[in-house]
N, C-alpha and C. Protein backbone atom coordinates (compact mmCIF):
# COMPACT_ATOMS: atom_id res chain seq x y z
N MET A 1 0.85 -1.18 0.00
CA MET A 1 0.00 0.00 0.00
C MET A 1 0.89 1.23 0.00
N ASN A 2 0.64 2.06 -0.95
CA ASN A 2 1.46 3.26 -1.06
C ASN A 2 0.90 4.37 -0.19
N GLU A 3 1.77 4.89 0.70
CA GLU A 3 1.37 6.03 1.53
C GLU A 3 1.58 7.32 0.77
N LYS A 4 0.61 8.22 0.97
CA LYS A 4 0.74 9.52 0.33
C LYS A 4 1.74 10.38 1.10
N LYS A 5 2.61 10.93 0.36
CA LYS A 5 3.59 11.81 0.98
C LYS A 5 2.91 13.13 1.35
N PRO A 6 3.27 13.66 2.51
CA PRO A 6 2.67 14.95 2.92
C PRO A 6 3.01 16.03 1.90
N HIS A 7 2.02 16.86 1.69
CA HIS A 7 2.20 17.93 0.71
C HIS A 7 2.92 19.11 1.37
N ILE A 8 4.03 19.48 0.84
CA ILE A 8 4.79 20.61 1.34
C ILE A 8 4.67 21.74 0.36
N GLU A 9 4.12 22.86 0.88
CA GLU A 9 3.90 24.01 0.01
C GLU A 9 5.16 24.86 -0.04
N ASN A 10 5.63 25.05 -1.19
CA ASN A 10 6.80 25.90 -1.35
C ASN A 10 6.39 27.37 -1.33
N VAL A 11 7.11 28.15 -0.50
CA VAL A 11 6.84 29.58 -0.43
C VAL A 11 7.83 30.29 -1.33
N ALA A 12 7.31 31.00 -2.24
CA ALA A 12 8.18 31.70 -3.19
C ALA A 12 9.01 32.74 -2.47
N PRO A 13 10.27 32.91 -2.81
CA PRO A 13 11.14 33.92 -2.21
C PRO A 13 10.55 35.31 -2.32
N GLU A 14 9.82 35.56 -3.43
CA GLU A 14 9.24 36.89 -3.61
C GLU A 14 8.24 37.19 -2.50
N LYS A 15 7.46 36.17 -2.07
CA LYS A 15 6.47 36.37 -1.02
C LYS A 15 7.15 36.62 0.32
N GLU A 16 8.26 35.89 0.60
CA GLU A 16 8.98 36.10 1.85
C GLU A 16 9.54 37.52 1.92
N GLU A 17 10.10 37.98 0.79
CA GLU A 17 10.67 39.33 0.76
C GLU A 17 9.57 40.38 0.93
N ALA A 18 8.42 40.13 0.32
CA ALA A 18 7.31 41.07 0.44
C ALA A 18 6.83 41.17 1.88
N GLY A 19 6.76 40.01 2.58
CA GLY A 19 6.34 40.00 3.98
C GLY A 19 7.31 40.75 4.86
N SER A 20 8.61 40.54 4.62
CA SER A 20 9.64 41.23 5.40
C SER A 20 9.57 42.73 5.16
N PHE A 21 9.35 43.10 3.91
CA PHE A 21 9.28 44.53 3.57
C PHE A 21 8.10 45.19 4.28
N ARG A 22 6.95 44.50 4.31
CA ARG A 22 5.77 45.06 4.98
C ARG A 22 6.04 45.22 6.48
N LEU A 23 6.72 44.24 7.06
CA LEU A 23 7.03 44.31 8.49
C LEU A 23 7.95 45.49 8.80
N ILE A 24 8.98 45.64 7.96
CA ILE A 24 9.92 46.76 8.15
C ILE A 24 9.20 48.09 8.01
N MET A 25 8.34 48.21 7.00
CA MET A 25 7.62 49.44 6.78
C MET A 25 6.67 49.75 7.94
N THR A 26 6.02 48.69 8.45
CA THR A 26 5.10 48.87 9.58
C THR A 26 5.85 49.40 10.80
N LEU A 27 7.00 48.77 11.08
CA LEU A 27 7.79 49.21 12.23
C LEU A 27 8.33 50.62 12.03
N THR A 28 8.75 50.92 10.82
CA THR A 28 9.26 52.26 10.52
C THR A 28 8.19 53.32 10.71
N LEU A 29 6.99 53.06 10.17
CA LEU A 29 5.90 54.01 10.30
C LEU A 29 5.47 54.17 11.77
N ALA A 30 5.49 53.05 12.51
CA ALA A 30 5.13 53.12 13.92
C ALA A 30 6.14 53.97 14.70
N GLY A 31 7.43 53.77 14.38
CA GLY A 31 8.47 54.56 15.04
C GLY A 31 8.36 56.03 14.68
N LEU A 32 8.09 56.29 13.40
CA LEU A 32 7.94 57.67 12.94
C LEU A 32 6.75 58.35 13.61
N PHE A 33 5.65 57.63 13.70
CA PHE A 33 4.45 58.17 14.33
C PHE A 33 4.71 58.45 15.81
N SER A 34 5.39 57.51 16.48
CA SER A 34 5.69 57.71 17.90
C SER A 34 6.59 58.93 18.10
N GLY A 35 7.58 59.09 17.20
CA GLY A 35 8.48 60.24 17.30
C GLY A 35 7.74 61.55 17.13
N ILE A 36 6.83 61.59 16.15
CA ILE A 36 6.04 62.80 15.92
C ILE A 36 5.15 63.09 17.12
N LEU A 37 4.56 62.04 17.69
CA LEU A 37 3.68 62.20 18.85
C LEU A 37 4.45 62.75 20.05
N LEU A 38 5.65 62.20 20.29
CA LEU A 38 6.47 62.67 21.41
C LEU A 38 6.91 64.12 21.21
N SER A 39 7.32 64.43 19.98
CA SER A 39 7.75 65.80 19.68
C SER A 39 6.62 66.78 19.86
N THR A 40 5.43 66.40 19.38
CA THR A 40 4.26 67.28 19.50
C THR A 40 3.89 67.49 20.96
N THR A 41 3.94 66.41 21.73
CA THR A 41 3.62 66.49 23.16
C THR A 41 4.59 67.42 23.87
N TYR A 42 5.88 67.31 23.52
CA TYR A 42 6.90 68.16 24.15
C TYR A 42 6.66 69.63 23.80
N VAL A 43 6.39 69.89 22.53
CA VAL A 43 6.17 71.28 22.09
C VAL A 43 4.96 71.88 22.81
N VAL A 44 3.93 71.08 23.00
CA VAL A 44 2.70 71.57 23.63
C VAL A 44 2.89 71.75 25.14
N THR A 45 3.54 70.78 25.79
CA THR A 45 3.63 70.81 27.25
C THR A 45 4.81 71.62 27.78
N GLU A 46 5.87 71.80 26.96
CA GLU A 46 7.07 72.49 27.45
C GLU A 46 6.78 73.91 27.95
N PRO A 47 6.00 74.72 27.22
CA PRO A 47 5.68 76.06 27.73
C PRO A 47 4.88 76.02 29.03
N VAL A 48 4.00 75.02 29.17
CA VAL A 48 3.20 74.89 30.38
C VAL A 48 4.08 74.54 31.57
N ILE A 49 5.00 73.59 31.35
CA ILE A 49 5.93 73.19 32.42
C ILE A 49 6.79 74.37 32.84
N LYS A 50 7.28 75.12 31.84
CA LYS A 50 8.12 76.28 32.13
C LYS A 50 7.35 77.32 32.92
N ALA A 51 6.11 77.58 32.53
CA ALA A 51 5.28 78.57 33.22
C ALA A 51 5.01 78.14 34.66
N ASN A 52 4.77 76.85 34.85
CA ASN A 52 4.52 76.34 36.20
C ASN A 52 5.75 76.49 37.09
N LYS A 53 6.94 76.23 36.52
CA LYS A 53 8.18 76.37 37.29
C LYS A 53 8.42 77.82 37.67
N GLU A 54 8.14 78.73 36.73
CA GLU A 54 8.33 80.15 37.00
C GLU A 54 7.37 80.63 38.08
N ALA A 55 6.14 80.13 38.03
CA ALA A 55 5.14 80.50 39.04
C ALA A 55 5.55 79.98 40.42
N ALA A 56 6.06 78.73 40.46
CA ALA A 56 6.50 78.15 41.72
C ALA A 56 7.69 78.91 42.29
N LEU A 57 8.61 79.32 41.41
CA LEU A 57 9.78 80.09 41.84
C LEU A 57 9.35 81.43 42.41
N ARG A 58 8.46 82.12 41.71
CA ARG A 58 8.00 83.43 42.17
C ARG A 58 7.32 83.30 43.53
N GLU A 59 6.49 82.28 43.69
CA GLU A 59 5.81 82.06 44.97
C GLU A 59 6.82 81.80 46.08
N ALA A 60 7.87 81.02 45.77
CA ALA A 60 8.90 80.71 46.76
C ALA A 60 9.67 81.96 47.17
N ILE A 61 9.92 82.85 46.21
CA ILE A 61 10.63 84.09 46.53
C ILE A 61 9.84 84.92 47.53
N TYR A 62 8.52 84.99 47.33
CA TYR A 62 7.69 85.74 48.27
C TYR A 62 7.70 85.09 49.66
N VAL A 63 7.87 83.79 49.71
CA VAL A 63 7.92 83.08 50.99
C VAL A 63 9.22 83.35 51.73
N VAL A 64 10.35 83.28 51.01
CA VAL A 64 11.66 83.46 51.67
C VAL A 64 12.00 84.92 51.92
N LEU A 65 11.23 85.83 51.31
CA LEU A 65 11.42 87.26 51.54
C LEU A 65 10.09 87.84 52.04
N PRO A 66 9.76 87.60 53.30
CA PRO A 66 8.47 88.08 53.83
C PRO A 66 8.33 89.60 53.69
N GLY A 67 7.18 90.02 53.16
CA GLY A 67 6.93 91.44 52.96
C GLY A 67 7.28 91.93 51.57
N CYS A 68 7.86 91.06 50.77
CA CYS A 68 8.25 91.43 49.40
C CYS A 68 7.01 91.54 48.51
N VAL A 69 6.96 92.63 47.72
CA VAL A 69 5.84 92.81 46.79
C VAL A 69 6.32 92.99 45.36
N GLU A 70 7.62 93.20 45.18
CA GLU A 70 8.18 93.39 43.85
C GLU A 70 9.54 92.72 43.75
N ILE A 71 9.81 92.10 42.61
CA ILE A 71 11.05 91.34 42.42
C ILE A 71 11.83 91.87 41.24
N GLN A 72 13.14 91.95 41.39
CA GLN A 72 14.03 92.29 40.29
C GLN A 72 15.17 91.28 40.23
N TRP A 73 15.66 91.03 39.00
CA TRP A 73 16.80 90.14 38.82
C TRP A 73 18.08 90.89 39.16
N VAL A 74 19.04 90.18 39.69
CA VAL A 74 20.36 90.75 40.00
C VAL A 74 21.43 89.78 39.53
N TRP A 75 22.43 90.28 38.83
CA TRP A 75 23.52 89.43 38.37
C TRP A 75 24.84 90.19 38.51
N GLU A 76 25.93 89.50 38.28
CA GLU A 76 27.26 90.09 38.47
C GLU A 76 27.93 90.38 37.13
N GLU A 77 28.49 91.55 37.03
CA GLU A 77 29.27 91.93 35.85
C GLU A 77 30.56 92.60 36.30
N ASN A 78 31.67 91.95 36.03
CA ASN A 78 32.99 92.49 36.39
C ASN A 78 33.09 92.87 37.86
N GLY A 79 32.57 91.98 38.71
CA GLY A 79 32.68 92.20 40.14
C GLY A 79 31.67 93.17 40.73
N VAL A 80 30.71 93.61 39.90
CA VAL A 80 29.69 94.55 40.36
C VAL A 80 28.30 93.94 40.13
N LEU A 81 27.40 94.16 41.10
CA LEU A 81 26.04 93.66 40.96
C LEU A 81 25.21 94.62 40.11
N VAL A 82 24.47 94.04 39.17
CA VAL A 82 23.63 94.82 38.26
C VAL A 82 22.19 94.35 38.41
N GLU A 83 21.25 95.29 38.41
CA GLU A 83 19.83 94.97 38.56
C GLU A 83 19.09 95.20 37.25
N GLY A 84 18.03 94.42 37.02
CA GLY A 84 17.24 94.61 35.82
C GLY A 84 16.02 93.70 35.81
N ASP A 85 15.20 93.87 34.77
CA ASP A 85 13.99 93.05 34.65
C ASP A 85 14.28 91.65 34.17
N GLN A 86 15.43 91.48 33.52
CA GLN A 86 15.81 90.16 32.99
C GLN A 86 17.32 90.14 32.79
N PRO A 87 18.00 89.09 33.26
CA PRO A 87 19.45 89.02 33.07
C PRO A 87 19.82 88.77 31.62
N PRO A 88 20.97 89.24 31.16
CA PRO A 88 21.40 88.99 29.78
C PRO A 88 21.77 87.53 29.59
N GLU A 89 21.84 87.10 28.35
CA GLU A 89 22.15 85.71 28.06
C GLU A 89 23.54 85.31 28.57
N LYS A 90 24.45 86.25 28.63
CA LYS A 90 25.82 85.95 29.07
C LYS A 90 25.90 85.70 30.57
N ALA A 91 24.88 86.10 31.32
CA ALA A 91 24.89 85.88 32.77
C ALA A 91 24.73 84.39 33.07
N GLU A 92 25.68 83.83 33.80
CA GLU A 92 25.65 82.40 34.11
C GLU A 92 24.75 82.08 35.30
N SER A 93 24.58 83.03 36.19
CA SER A 93 23.73 82.82 37.36
C SER A 93 23.21 84.17 37.84
N TRP A 94 22.17 84.14 38.63
CA TRP A 94 21.58 85.38 39.12
C TRP A 94 20.78 85.11 40.38
N ILE A 95 20.45 86.20 41.06
CA ILE A 95 19.64 86.14 42.27
C ILE A 95 18.48 87.11 42.10
N TYR A 96 17.65 87.23 43.15
CA TYR A 96 16.47 88.07 43.03
C TYR A 96 16.40 89.06 44.20
N LYS A 97 16.16 90.31 43.86
CA LYS A 97 16.03 91.36 44.87
C LYS A 97 14.56 91.59 45.15
N GLY A 98 14.20 91.65 46.44
CA GLY A 98 12.82 91.89 46.81
C GLY A 98 12.68 93.19 47.58
N VAL A 99 11.68 93.99 47.23
CA VAL A 99 11.40 95.24 47.95
C VAL A 99 9.96 95.23 48.44
N ASP A 100 9.69 96.03 49.49
CA ASP A 100 8.33 96.10 50.03
C ASP A 100 7.51 97.15 49.30
N GLN A 101 6.32 97.41 49.77
CA GLN A 101 5.40 98.33 49.08
C GLN A 101 5.90 99.77 49.07
N ASN A 102 6.86 100.07 49.94
CA ASN A 102 7.42 101.41 49.97
C ASN A 102 8.74 101.51 49.20
N GLY A 103 9.11 100.43 48.56
CA GLY A 103 10.35 100.41 47.79
C GLY A 103 11.58 100.13 48.60
N ASN A 104 11.40 99.77 49.86
CA ASN A 104 12.54 99.46 50.73
C ASN A 104 12.99 98.02 50.53
N LEU A 105 14.29 97.80 50.64
CA LEU A 105 14.85 96.47 50.45
C LEU A 105 14.39 95.50 51.53
N VAL A 106 13.85 94.38 51.10
CA VAL A 106 13.48 93.30 52.03
C VAL A 106 14.65 92.33 52.16
N GLY A 107 15.27 92.01 51.03
CA GLY A 107 16.39 91.08 51.02
C GLY A 107 16.59 90.51 49.63
N TYR A 108 17.43 89.50 49.55
CA TYR A 108 17.73 88.85 48.28
C TYR A 108 17.43 87.36 48.37
N ALA A 109 16.86 86.82 47.31
CA ALA A 109 16.58 85.38 47.24
C ALA A 109 17.70 84.72 46.45
N LEU A 110 18.39 83.79 47.11
CA LEU A 110 19.55 83.14 46.49
C LEU A 110 19.21 81.69 46.13
N PRO A 111 19.19 81.34 44.84
CA PRO A 111 18.95 79.96 44.44
C PRO A 111 20.19 79.10 44.74
N GLY A 112 19.97 77.81 44.88
CA GLY A 112 21.07 76.88 45.09
C GLY A 112 20.68 75.48 44.66
N GLU A 113 21.67 74.70 44.28
CA GLU A 113 21.42 73.33 43.83
C GLU A 113 22.63 72.46 44.13
N GLY A 114 22.37 71.22 44.54
CA GLY A 114 23.46 70.31 44.84
C GLY A 114 22.95 68.89 45.07
N ALA A 115 23.87 67.97 45.22
CA ALA A 115 23.52 66.56 45.39
C ALA A 115 22.99 66.28 46.79
N GLY A 116 21.87 65.55 46.84
CA GLY A 116 21.33 65.09 48.11
C GLY A 116 21.65 63.63 48.29
N PHE A 117 20.83 62.92 49.03
CA PHE A 117 21.05 61.49 49.26
C PHE A 117 20.74 60.67 48.02
N GLN A 118 19.66 61.04 47.31
CA GLN A 118 19.24 60.28 46.13
C GLN A 118 19.42 61.04 44.82
N ASP A 119 19.18 62.33 44.85
CA ASP A 119 19.18 63.11 43.61
C ASP A 119 19.49 64.56 43.95
N GLN A 120 19.39 65.43 42.96
CA GLN A 120 19.67 66.84 43.16
C GLN A 120 18.60 67.50 44.03
N ILE A 121 19.03 68.40 44.86
CA ILE A 121 18.13 69.22 45.66
C ILE A 121 18.24 70.65 45.13
N VAL A 122 17.10 71.23 44.80
CA VAL A 122 17.06 72.60 44.32
C VAL A 122 16.32 73.43 45.38
N LEU A 123 16.92 74.51 45.82
CA LEU A 123 16.31 75.30 46.88
C LEU A 123 16.55 76.78 46.67
N ILE A 124 15.98 77.58 47.54
CA ILE A 124 16.19 79.02 47.51
C ILE A 124 16.10 79.55 48.94
N VAL A 125 16.99 80.50 49.28
CA VAL A 125 16.99 81.08 50.62
C VAL A 125 16.91 82.60 50.52
N GLY A 126 16.28 83.19 51.52
CA GLY A 126 16.24 84.63 51.60
C GLY A 126 17.41 85.11 52.45
N TYR A 127 18.10 86.13 51.98
CA TYR A 127 19.27 86.66 52.69
C TYR A 127 19.16 88.17 52.81
N LYS A 128 19.46 88.67 54.01
CA LYS A 128 19.40 90.10 54.27
C LYS A 128 20.79 90.60 54.64
N PRO A 129 21.48 91.29 53.72
CA PRO A 129 22.85 91.75 54.00
C PRO A 129 22.92 92.77 55.12
N GLU A 130 21.84 93.46 55.38
CA GLU A 130 21.81 94.47 56.43
C GLU A 130 22.23 93.91 57.78
N ASN A 131 21.78 92.69 58.07
CA ASN A 131 22.17 92.05 59.34
C ASN A 131 22.88 90.72 59.12
N ASP A 132 23.22 90.43 57.83
CA ASP A 132 23.98 89.22 57.49
C ASP A 132 23.29 87.95 57.97
N LYS A 133 21.99 87.86 57.67
CA LYS A 133 21.24 86.69 58.13
C LYS A 133 20.35 86.11 57.02
N VAL A 134 20.16 84.79 57.11
CA VAL A 134 19.19 84.11 56.26
C VAL A 134 17.82 84.32 56.90
N ILE A 135 16.84 84.73 56.10
CA ILE A 135 15.52 85.05 56.65
C ILE A 135 14.40 84.15 56.13
N GLY A 136 14.75 83.17 55.31
CA GLY A 136 13.73 82.26 54.80
C GLY A 136 14.34 81.14 53.99
N PHE A 137 13.57 80.07 53.79
CA PHE A 137 14.09 78.87 53.12
C PHE A 137 12.95 78.10 52.47
N GLN A 138 13.18 77.65 51.24
CA GLN A 138 12.20 76.81 50.53
C GLN A 138 12.92 75.83 49.63
N VAL A 139 12.44 74.59 49.60
CA VAL A 139 12.94 73.59 48.66
C VAL A 139 12.06 73.65 47.41
N LEU A 140 12.68 73.82 46.26
CA LEU A 140 11.94 73.92 45.00
C LEU A 140 11.76 72.56 44.34
N ASP A 141 12.76 71.69 44.50
CA ASP A 141 12.67 70.37 43.87
C ASP A 141 13.54 69.39 44.65
N SER A 142 12.99 68.22 44.93
CA SER A 142 13.74 67.20 45.66
C SER A 142 13.09 65.84 45.46
N ARG A 143 13.93 64.81 45.33
CA ARG A 143 13.44 63.45 45.22
C ARG A 143 14.03 62.59 46.34
N GLU A 144 14.23 63.22 47.49
CA GLU A 144 14.77 62.50 48.64
C GLU A 144 13.77 61.46 49.15
N THR A 145 14.25 60.50 49.91
CA THR A 145 13.47 59.36 50.37
C THR A 145 12.19 59.79 51.10
N PRO A 146 11.02 59.33 50.64
CA PRO A 146 9.77 59.66 51.32
C PRO A 146 9.79 59.18 52.77
N GLY A 147 9.36 60.04 53.67
CA GLY A 147 9.32 59.69 55.09
C GLY A 147 10.59 59.99 55.83
N LEU A 148 11.68 60.22 55.09
CA LEU A 148 12.96 60.54 55.73
C LEU A 148 13.54 61.81 55.11
N GLY A 149 14.17 61.66 53.94
CA GLY A 149 14.81 62.79 53.29
C GLY A 149 13.84 63.90 52.91
N ASP A 150 12.58 63.54 52.67
CA ASP A 150 11.63 64.59 52.28
C ASP A 150 11.26 65.51 53.44
N LYS A 151 11.78 65.20 54.62
CA LYS A 151 11.54 66.07 55.77
C LYS A 151 12.23 67.43 55.62
N ILE A 152 13.18 67.53 54.68
CA ILE A 152 13.85 68.80 54.47
C ILE A 152 12.87 69.88 54.00
N PHE A 153 11.72 69.47 53.46
CA PHE A 153 10.71 70.46 53.10
C PHE A 153 9.36 70.20 53.78
N LYS A 154 9.30 69.18 54.65
CA LYS A 154 8.07 68.89 55.37
C LYS A 154 8.20 69.14 56.88
N ASP A 155 9.42 69.05 57.40
CA ASP A 155 9.64 69.22 58.83
C ASP A 155 9.68 70.72 59.18
N LYS A 156 8.64 71.20 59.85
CA LYS A 156 8.53 72.62 60.17
C LYS A 156 9.67 73.10 61.08
N ALA A 157 10.11 72.23 61.97
CA ALA A 157 11.20 72.61 62.88
C ALA A 157 12.49 72.80 62.10
N PHE A 158 12.74 71.95 61.11
CA PHE A 158 13.95 72.09 60.30
C PHE A 158 13.89 73.37 59.48
N ILE A 159 12.75 73.64 58.86
CA ILE A 159 12.59 74.85 58.06
C ILE A 159 12.76 76.10 58.92
N ALA A 160 12.27 76.04 60.16
CA ALA A 160 12.37 77.19 61.06
C ALA A 160 13.81 77.54 61.40
N ASN A 161 14.73 76.59 61.23
CA ASN A 161 16.15 76.86 61.46
C ASN A 161 16.64 78.05 60.62
N PHE A 162 16.02 78.25 59.48
CA PHE A 162 16.50 79.24 58.52
C PHE A 162 15.81 80.60 58.65
N ASN A 163 15.02 80.76 59.69
CA ASN A 163 14.42 82.05 59.97
C ASN A 163 15.34 82.81 60.92
N ASN A 164 15.90 83.90 60.45
CA ASN A 164 16.82 84.71 61.27
C ASN A 164 18.09 83.94 61.63
N LEU A 165 18.62 83.22 60.65
CA LEU A 165 19.83 82.40 60.85
C LEU A 165 21.09 83.22 60.56
N ASN A 166 21.95 83.33 61.54
CA ASN A 166 23.20 84.06 61.38
C ASN A 166 24.11 83.31 60.40
N THR A 167 24.81 84.04 59.54
CA THR A 167 25.70 83.39 58.55
C THR A 167 27.17 83.67 58.82
N ASP A 168 27.47 84.29 59.94
CA ASP A 168 28.84 84.64 60.28
C ASP A 168 29.38 83.71 61.37
N PRO A 169 30.50 83.01 61.18
CA PRO A 169 31.35 83.05 59.98
C PRO A 169 30.82 82.17 58.85
N SER A 170 29.97 81.20 59.20
CA SER A 170 29.36 80.32 58.20
C SER A 170 28.19 79.60 58.85
N VAL A 171 27.36 78.99 58.03
CA VAL A 171 26.24 78.20 58.54
C VAL A 171 26.74 76.80 58.87
N GLU A 172 26.45 76.33 60.06
CA GLU A 172 26.93 75.03 60.51
C GLU A 172 25.74 74.12 60.84
N ILE A 173 25.92 72.82 60.69
CA ILE A 173 24.88 71.87 61.05
C ILE A 173 25.30 71.08 62.28
N VAL A 174 24.35 70.88 63.20
CA VAL A 174 24.61 70.13 64.43
C VAL A 174 23.50 69.10 64.61
N LYS A 175 23.70 68.19 65.54
CA LYS A 175 22.69 67.16 65.80
C LYS A 175 21.44 67.78 66.42
N LYS A 176 20.35 67.07 66.29
CA LYS A 176 19.08 67.51 66.85
C LYS A 176 19.23 67.75 68.35
N GLY A 177 18.86 68.95 68.80
CA GLY A 177 18.93 69.28 70.21
C GLY A 177 20.26 69.82 70.68
N ALA A 178 21.24 69.93 69.76
CA ALA A 178 22.59 70.35 70.16
C ALA A 178 22.88 71.80 69.77
N LYS A 179 21.90 72.51 69.28
CA LYS A 179 22.12 73.88 68.83
C LYS A 179 22.38 74.81 70.02
N THR A 180 23.49 75.57 69.94
CA THR A 180 23.83 76.53 70.99
C THR A 180 24.14 77.92 70.41
N LYS A 181 24.30 78.00 69.10
CA LYS A 181 24.65 79.27 68.46
C LYS A 181 23.64 79.61 67.37
N ASP A 182 23.52 80.91 67.08
CA ASP A 182 22.51 81.32 66.11
C ASP A 182 22.95 81.17 64.66
N ASN A 183 24.11 80.57 64.43
CA ASN A 183 24.52 80.24 63.06
C ASN A 183 24.45 78.73 62.82
N GLU A 184 23.79 78.01 63.73
CA GLU A 184 23.71 76.55 63.65
C GLU A 184 22.32 76.09 63.22
N VAL A 185 22.30 75.02 62.46
CA VAL A 185 21.07 74.39 62.00
C VAL A 185 21.00 72.98 62.59
N GLU A 186 19.89 72.65 63.22
CA GLU A 186 19.73 71.31 63.77
C GLU A 186 19.33 70.34 62.66
N GLY A 187 20.11 69.27 62.49
CA GLY A 187 19.83 68.29 61.46
C GLY A 187 18.57 67.49 61.77
N ILE A 188 18.17 66.68 60.81
CA ILE A 188 16.97 65.85 60.94
C ILE A 188 17.39 64.43 61.30
N THR A 189 16.89 63.92 62.39
CA THR A 189 17.18 62.55 62.79
C THR A 189 16.66 61.57 61.74
N GLY A 190 17.54 60.71 61.24
CA GLY A 190 17.16 59.75 60.21
C GLY A 190 17.34 60.28 58.80
N ALA A 191 17.66 61.55 58.68
CA ALA A 191 17.88 62.15 57.35
C ALA A 191 19.11 63.04 57.42
N THR A 192 20.15 62.52 58.02
CA THR A 192 21.37 63.31 58.24
C THR A 192 21.99 63.77 56.93
N ILE A 193 22.08 62.87 55.96
CA ILE A 193 22.72 63.21 54.69
C ILE A 193 21.95 64.31 53.98
N SER A 194 20.63 64.20 53.96
CA SER A 194 19.81 65.20 53.27
C SER A 194 19.91 66.56 53.94
N SER A 195 19.85 66.59 55.27
CA SER A 195 19.93 67.87 55.97
C SER A 195 21.31 68.48 55.84
N LYS A 196 22.35 67.66 55.85
CA LYS A 196 23.71 68.17 55.64
C LYS A 196 23.84 68.74 54.23
N ALA A 197 23.22 68.06 53.27
CA ALA A 197 23.28 68.53 51.88
C ALA A 197 22.64 69.90 51.75
N VAL A 198 21.51 70.11 52.43
CA VAL A 198 20.83 71.41 52.38
C VAL A 198 21.73 72.51 52.92
N VAL A 199 22.34 72.28 54.06
CA VAL A 199 23.23 73.29 54.65
C VAL A 199 24.42 73.57 53.74
N LYS A 200 24.95 72.53 53.12
CA LYS A 200 26.07 72.72 52.20
C LYS A 200 25.66 73.58 51.01
N ILE A 201 24.48 73.33 50.44
CA ILE A 201 24.01 74.10 49.30
C ILE A 201 23.78 75.55 49.70
N VAL A 202 23.17 75.76 50.85
CA VAL A 202 22.93 77.12 51.34
C VAL A 202 24.25 77.87 51.50
N GLN A 203 25.24 77.20 52.08
CA GLN A 203 26.53 77.85 52.30
C GLN A 203 27.23 78.16 50.98
N GLU A 204 27.11 77.27 50.02
CA GLU A 204 27.73 77.52 48.71
C GLU A 204 27.11 78.73 48.02
N SER A 205 25.80 78.90 48.15
CA SER A 205 25.13 80.07 47.59
C SER A 205 25.60 81.34 48.29
N LEU A 206 25.74 81.26 49.61
CA LEU A 206 26.24 82.40 50.37
C LEU A 206 27.68 82.74 49.98
N ASN A 207 28.48 81.71 49.79
CA ASN A 207 29.89 81.94 49.40
C ASN A 207 29.97 82.69 48.08
N GLN A 208 29.05 82.40 47.18
CA GLN A 208 29.07 83.03 45.87
C GLN A 208 28.59 84.48 45.90
N TRP A 209 27.52 84.74 46.65
CA TRP A 209 26.86 86.04 46.56
C TRP A 209 27.07 86.96 47.76
N LYS A 210 27.30 86.40 48.93
CA LYS A 210 27.40 87.21 50.14
C LYS A 210 28.48 88.30 50.06
N PRO A 211 29.70 88.01 49.61
CA PRO A 211 30.72 89.07 49.55
C PRO A 211 30.29 90.26 48.69
N LEU A 212 29.67 89.99 47.54
CA LEU A 212 29.21 91.06 46.66
C LEU A 212 28.07 91.86 47.29
N LEU A 213 27.17 91.16 47.97
CA LEU A 213 26.04 91.84 48.59
C LEU A 213 26.47 92.69 49.78
N LEU A 214 27.40 92.17 50.57
CA LEU A 214 27.91 92.95 51.71
C LEU A 214 28.70 94.17 51.22
N LYS A 215 29.46 93.98 50.17
CA LYS A 215 30.22 95.09 49.59
C LYS A 215 29.29 96.18 49.10
N GLN A 216 28.23 95.79 48.42
CA GLN A 216 27.26 96.74 47.90
C GLN A 216 26.55 97.47 49.04
N ALA A 217 26.18 96.71 50.07
CA ALA A 217 25.49 97.31 51.22
C ALA A 217 26.37 98.35 51.91
N LYS A 218 27.66 98.05 52.01
CA LYS A 218 28.59 98.98 52.64
C LYS A 218 28.74 100.25 51.80
N GLU A 219 28.78 100.10 50.50
CA GLU A 219 28.93 101.26 49.61
C GLU A 219 27.70 102.14 49.63
N ASN A 220 26.53 101.53 49.92
CA ASN A 220 25.29 102.29 49.93
C ASN A 220 24.99 102.95 51.27
N GLU A 221 25.83 102.73 52.26
CA GLU A 221 25.61 103.32 53.58
C GLU A 221 25.78 104.85 53.54
């Protein structure tokens, strides 16, 4: 008895190539569409994100400079501080001057950024050269550990350290309950690295701007 051999269908090479071409085109079009979608989303959302950041910054400036009703940009040119509505493109960094409703100086808001325990910490402090003291503090951005590191912007006692904080000769951090001087900041138990990072960033901002601000204040006496 003769058994029938199984029928094997030959696939023409042209059909295999056509299938591969369709697959490549499908993937290419999908990638192109995804790229266009991402680009469009970025173009649409980027101005919104920027506006939100600017609004958050402005709100923070009013917090760290109590009594401030008007803000001006301040930057350095050849060792001299210059004020204006917007810093020039050549300015690498700048701070913000706040005045009250009578035009009197409230203080300066100094931005700062540096490494925390997990990621970058972005903050801003209010500084008053008249008495050489920090008068306010706000964290603008932080991804520190929830429940621990995030206390740098949730712990009211830690934030209060920066109200009327002496900066001479420098801002120092001490353990919780060990503060004896008005230039000391009490760290956060369980978040030592994060609280130390904050003090370091604050001091670095002061190192950059304090000499210029004190010099200007003395010249204006």
